[in-house]
Amino acid sequence: MIELIFEFGSEIILVRISGKKVEFGSTSFGAKLADISGLRFDKAGVIKEFPDLKDNEEWRFEAIKRFKEKIKSLNNESEVSDYIINELKGCGYKPKFKQRAGFRREVLNV
């Protein structure tokens, strides 16, 4: 299991990766964890990543499906964490910490 902690404005975002299962939590929601299906999506951000979904009425469900397929295609938790760090960093999230199960947190200076 790997946990990532990000800052986004005044919020703290927690990402927990356990095998191929990825859960997200935020201090604004009481740090309750949910899978990607429970997250809010910005249509402009999704279209930026997947331009072909611009006129698709089911854009949100297709974006979730593509994210889950991408996670399944990665080999291990470390690759998943690197992918998530790179994706969220590009959206304005500041990576702060990474913790592998049972080990000390490492500070991310990314």
Protein backbone atom coordinates (compact mmCIF):
# COMPACT_ATOMS: atom_id res chain seq x y z
CA MET A 1 0.00 0.00 0.00
CA ILE A 2 1.18 3.50 -0.88
CA GLU A 3 -0.33 6.75 0.37
CA LEU A 4 0.23 10.10 -1.29
CA ILE A 5 -0.54 13.49 0.22
CA PHE A 6 -1.09 16.60 -1.90
CA GLU A 7 -1.91 20.24 -1.19
CA PHE A 8 -4.50 22.00 -3.32
CA GLY A 9 -5.10 25.50 -2.06
CA SER A 10 -6.05 25.10 1.60
CA GLU A 11 -7.13 21.47 1.15
CA ILE A 12 -5.15 18.35 1.88
CA ILE A 13 -5.76 15.51 -0.58
CA LEU A 14 -5.03 11.88 0.31
CA VAL A 15 -4.58 9.18 -2.33
CA ARG A 16 -4.37 5.57 -1.17
CA ILE A 17 -3.12 2.93 -3.61
CA SER A 18 -3.59 -0.71 -2.69
CA GLY A 19 -2.76 -2.97 -5.60
CA LYS A 20 -4.96 -1.81 -8.47
CA LYS A 21 -7.43 -0.09 -6.12
CA VAL A 22 -7.05 3.70 -5.90
CA GLU A 23 -9.02 5.79 -3.39
CA PHE A 24 -9.13 9.56 -2.99
CA GLY A 25 -9.98 11.69 0.04
CA SER A 26 -10.02 15.38 0.89
CA THR A 27 -10.16 17.42 4.08
CA SER A 28 -13.15 19.23 2.62
CA PHE A 29 -15.08 15.94 2.71
CA GLY A 30 -13.87 14.92 6.15
CA ALA A 31 -11.06 12.83 4.63
CA LYS A 32 -13.54 10.09 3.72
CA LEU A 33 -12.06 7.93 0.96
CA ALA A 34 -13.88 7.15 -2.28
CA ASP A 35 -12.88 5.57 -5.55
CA ILE A 36 -12.67 7.72 -8.66
CA SER A 37 -16.38 7.20 -9.37
CA GLY A 38 -17.21 9.35 -6.33
CA LEU A 39 -15.13 12.34 -7.42
CA ARG A 40 -16.28 15.51 -9.12
CA PHE A 41 -14.98 16.08 -12.62
CA ASP A 42 -14.36 19.27 -14.51
CA LYS A 43 -15.59 18.81 -18.08
CA ALA A 44 -12.98 21.23 -19.45
CA GLY A 45 -10.20 19.21 -17.79
CA VAL A 46 -11.58 15.93 -19.13
CA ILE A 47 -11.85 17.37 -22.65
CA LYS A 48 -8.27 18.64 -22.40
CA GLU A 49 -7.13 15.08 -21.64
CA PHE A 50 -9.59 13.33 -23.99
CA PRO A 51 -10.65 15.71 -26.80
CA ASP A 52 -12.83 13.03 -28.40
CA LEU A 53 -15.26 13.25 -25.44
CA LYS A 54 -16.24 16.86 -26.21
CA ASP A 55 -19.63 16.02 -27.70
CA ASN A 56 -20.18 12.79 -25.80
CA GLU A 57 -23.08 13.00 -23.34
CA GLU A 58 -21.53 10.18 -21.31
CA TRP A 59 -18.16 11.97 -21.01
CA ARG A 60 -17.86 11.48 -17.24
CA PHE A 61 -18.42 7.72 -17.34
CA GLU A 62 -16.05 7.30 -20.27
CA ALA A 63 -13.32 9.30 -18.45
CA ILE A 64 -13.72 7.09 -15.36
CA LYS A 65 -13.53 3.97 -17.53
CA ARG A 66 -10.34 5.21 -19.23
CA PHE A 67 -8.71 6.07 -15.90
CA LYS A 68 -9.46 2.61 -14.52
CA GLU A 69 -8.09 0.97 -17.69
CA LYS A 70 -4.90 3.03 -17.37
CA ILE A 71 -4.46 1.94 -13.74
CA LYS A 72 -4.96 -1.73 -14.72
CA SER A 73 -2.32 -1.41 -17.44
CA LEU A 74 0.37 -0.30 -14.96
CA ASN A 75 2.56 -3.03 -13.44
CA ASN A 76 2.73 -2.14 -9.75
CA GLU A 77 1.78 0.35 -7.04
CA SER A 78 4.93 2.39 -7.61
CA GLU A 79 4.05 2.96 -11.28
CA VAL A 80 0.48 3.88 -10.29
CA SER A 81 1.76 6.41 -7.73
CA ASP A 82 4.15 7.96 -10.27
CA TYR A 83 1.30 8.25 -12.79
CA ILE A 84 -1.02 9.91 -10.26
CA ILE A 85 1.69 12.32 -9.07
CA ASN A 86 2.39 13.42 -12.66
CA GLU A 87 -1.30 13.78 -13.54
CA LEU A 88 -2.29 15.75 -10.42
CA LYS A 89 0.83 17.91 -10.51
CA GLY A 90 -0.23 19.10 -13.95
CA CYS A 91 -3.61 20.15 -12.51
CA GLY A 92 -2.13 22.39 -9.80
CA TYR A 93 -1.86 19.86 -6.95
CA LYS A 94 1.39 20.06 -4.97
CA PRO A 95 2.81 16.63 -4.03
CA LYS A 96 3.97 16.71 -0.41
CA PHE A 97 4.49 13.17 0.92
CA LYS A 98 4.68 9.56 -0.18
CA GLN A 99 4.48 6.71 2.30
CA ARG A 100 4.88 3.03 1.58
CA ALA A 101 3.14 0.73 4.07
CA GLY A 102 5.18 0.42 7.24
CA PHE A 103 7.86 2.92 6.26
CA ARG A 104 8.47 6.56 7.09
CA ARG A 105 6.99 9.24 4.91
CA GLU A 106 9.28 10.62 2.28
CA VAL A 107 9.03 14.27 1.32
CA LEU A 108 8.30 14.80 -2.36
CA ASN A 109 10.22 17.70 -3.83
CA VAL A 110 8.70 17.37 -7.26
